[in-house]
């Protein structure tokens, strides 16, 4: 198992995930990041937030960025135009 961290990016601000979570591989971590990002979108819509997390940054235990998941890519196509 490998430890991955899901940092949250909103504009120039990066909120660090100090705890992290263990997954068998990057694909599993990306799947979990996708679920978490959908939850963030749901909460932002339900609460009417105007300023929301823009992306989930997936990093390894050493802080190296392995991937970036923009929340906008999870919206249905008609909403992204």
Protein backbone atom coordinates (compact mmCIF):
# COMPACT_ATOMS: atom_id res chain seq x y z
CA UNK A 1 0.00 0.00 0.00
CA UNK A 2 1.16 3.50 -0.84
CA UNK A 3 0.22 6.70 0.96
CA UNK A 4 -1.42 9.43 -1.13
CA UNK A 5 -2.46 12.94 -0.11
CA UNK A 6 -5.40 14.87 -1.57
CA UNK A 7 -4.63 18.59 -1.41
CA UNK A 8 -7.37 21.08 -2.32
CA UNK A 9 -6.63 23.98 -4.67
CA UNK A 10 -8.79 27.11 -4.76
CA UNK A 11 -7.19 29.86 -6.80
CA UNK A 12 -3.72 30.53 -5.41
CA UNK A 13 -4.54 28.76 -2.13
CA UNK A 14 -3.57 25.14 -1.52
CA UNK A 15 -5.03 23.37 1.53
CA UNK A 16 -2.73 20.51 2.42
CA UNK A 17 -3.89 17.04 3.40
CA UNK A 18 -1.36 16.18 6.12
CA UNK A 19 -2.92 12.83 7.04
CA UNK A 20 -3.22 11.15 3.65
CA UNK A 21 -4.62 7.68 3.01
CA UNK A 22 -3.21 4.40 1.76
CA UNK A 23 -4.23 2.86 -1.55
CA UNK A 24 -2.83 -0.04 -3.55
CA UNK A 25 -1.95 2.20 -6.52
CA UNK A 26 -2.49 5.56 -8.23
CA UNK A 27 -5.62 4.32 -10.02
CA UNK A 28 -7.30 3.51 -6.70
CA UNK A 29 -6.24 6.88 -5.28
CA UNK A 30 -7.64 8.66 -8.34
CA UNK A 31 -10.94 6.82 -7.90
CA UNK A 32 -11.17 7.98 -4.29
CA UNK A 33 -10.17 11.53 -5.26
CA UNK A 34 -12.97 11.52 -7.85
CA UNK A 35 -15.53 10.48 -5.23
CA UNK A 36 -14.25 13.15 -2.83
CA UNK A 37 -14.35 15.81 -5.56
CA UNK A 38 -17.97 14.93 -6.38
CA UNK A 39 -18.84 15.31 -2.69
CA UNK A 40 -17.15 18.73 -2.64
CA UNK A 41 -19.19 19.81 -5.67
CA UNK A 42 -22.40 18.52 -4.11
CA UNK A 43 -21.79 20.41 -0.86
CA UNK A 44 -20.85 23.61 -2.71
CA UNK A 45 -24.03 23.48 -4.79
CA UNK A 46 -26.25 22.65 -1.80
CA UNK A 47 -24.82 25.46 0.30
CA UNK A 48 -24.72 28.01 -2.54
CA UNK A 49 -21.00 28.69 -2.16
CA UNK A 50 -19.56 31.12 -4.69
CA UNK A 51 -15.89 30.31 -4.05
CA UNK A 52 -15.17 26.61 -4.18
CA UNK A 53 -12.32 24.17 -4.52
CA UNK A 54 -11.13 24.14 -8.14
CA UNK A 55 -9.15 20.92 -8.10
CA UNK A 56 -7.89 18.01 -6.06
CA UNK A 57 -4.12 17.62 -6.25
CA UNK A 58 -2.95 14.05 -5.70
CA UNK A 59 0.50 13.86 -4.14
CA UNK A 60 2.72 11.08 -2.84
CA UNK A 61 4.12 10.80 0.68
CA UNK A 62 7.10 13.02 -0.29
CA UNK A 63 4.88 15.84 -1.58
CA UNK A 64 5.48 15.14 -5.26
CA UNK A 65 2.40 16.04 -7.33
CA UNK A 66 1.23 12.95 -9.20
CA UNK A 67 -2.00 14.27 -10.67
CA UNK A 68 -4.48 17.10 -10.72
CA UNK A 69 -8.25 16.57 -10.90
CA UNK A 70 -10.15 19.75 -11.87
CA UNK A 71 -13.65 19.61 -10.39
CA UNK A 72 -15.09 21.19 -13.55
CA UNK A 73 -14.25 18.00 -15.45
CA UNK A 74 -16.78 16.14 -13.29
CA UNK A 75 -19.72 18.35 -14.25
CA UNK A 76 -22.17 17.18 -16.91
CA UNK A 77 -21.19 18.49 -20.36
CA UNK A 78 -24.02 21.09 -20.70
CA UNK A 79 -22.85 22.75 -17.47
CA UNK A 80 -19.24 23.16 -18.56
CA UNK A 81 -19.97 25.53 -21.45
